[in-house]
Amino acid sequence: MHTIDLDEKYRLFRTNVKERGLTKRTYGYYALLAVFVGTGFVLSYKVLTLTDNVWVQVGNALFFSFVMMQGAFLAHDLSHGQVFHRKGLNRFFGSGIWGLLLGGSEAAWYERHNEHHEHVNQNGRDPDINIPFLFKQNQQAGTFSFNPRIAQYQHILFFISLPVWYLSQLLTTWTERPHLFRSPRGSIEIMLAVVHFLVLFFLVFTNLSLMTGFVFLAVHVVTTGFYMGLAFAPNHKGEDIIAEDSEVTWVEQITSTRNLYPSFFIFHLFGGLNYQVEHHLFPGVSRYQYPKIQKMVQAFCIENNIRYHQTTWVGSMKEIYIALKIEAERMKGAA
């Protein structure tokens, strides 16, 4: 009796997803999202000009951070090619959002994030695990530049570090890949980012007192950092690390990834990235299609005995904490 190997089953599965129309573009959804993000930025900037009341501006900073992260999720989808058929259009509008609304570089994010997708959770090759918080001993030499004794407290330091994630990402964007900015495109991205910060600082410090202005910026930076960390960490942190000399196949894209149980609130709060498994299998497909694709992916994994992991957001934080603490205890015992 002829048996179909696993790779062939997966190929047929992907064909089935496409034949059911689940790879179609969803222009209406993204148009509404773009209007929401754009309107949110305008409203937040407008509030900066209305009052110097520190509590109003604290609330405005929280709203501004929320809108900025929603813009980041939209920029993420554009850079993945999820919105338009043409790659050029996705990259063009993605550059506009990354630069003008977020103060970042689309080109730098695009290159770094593609490496993450290609080498998900792979030691030495996935830039997203190149952080000073260790999950496995063999990461230490390549990624931890501080006193190794500090790593014994990584299960605490990881969560304490969340407020600086936004600043860390900005620094990484503009310093990690300087070759990207030695071109006309790179120069344009730099100018867009400069415009973003000039407009922000101008509105803050010409309409607010020095104290209120600094409070607004501090709350904005810290809140955005928390939001980024709490949105992105559940996807892979604490999952198995793949050896540098191993091959990363579509199977590892599933088994090294964690989903969050879906709901309307979770889906929109995390920009659809709660469907992280589906995103890694179909990175160019609209996030709006992921709920339907998930049912097919789950059935496929059950049928072929492939680990498919999802939990609550709180559960993901607990798993990350436990994974870090186990490794911290191991290092403490070896010290």
Foldseek 3Di string as FASTA:
>chain_A
DDDDDPVVVVVVLVVVCVVVVLQDADQVVLVVLVVVLVVLVVVLLVQLQVDQPLVSLLVSLLSLLQSLVSLVLSLLLLLLQAHDPDNVVSLVVSLLSCQQSPLFGSVLCSVLVVQCLQQPLAAPGNVVPLEQADLDPVNCVPRHDDDVLVLLCSLPVVLVCQLQQSVVVRCCRCPVCVVVLPDPSNVVSNVSSVNNVVSLVCSLPVRYPPVSSVSSVSSNSRSSSNLVCLLPCLFAALFDHHYNPDHDDLLNLFRRTEAEPDDPVNCSSNSLCSLVSQCSVCVNHHSVSSVVVVVSVVVSCVVVVRDHHYYHSVVSSVSNSVSSNVVSVVVVVVD
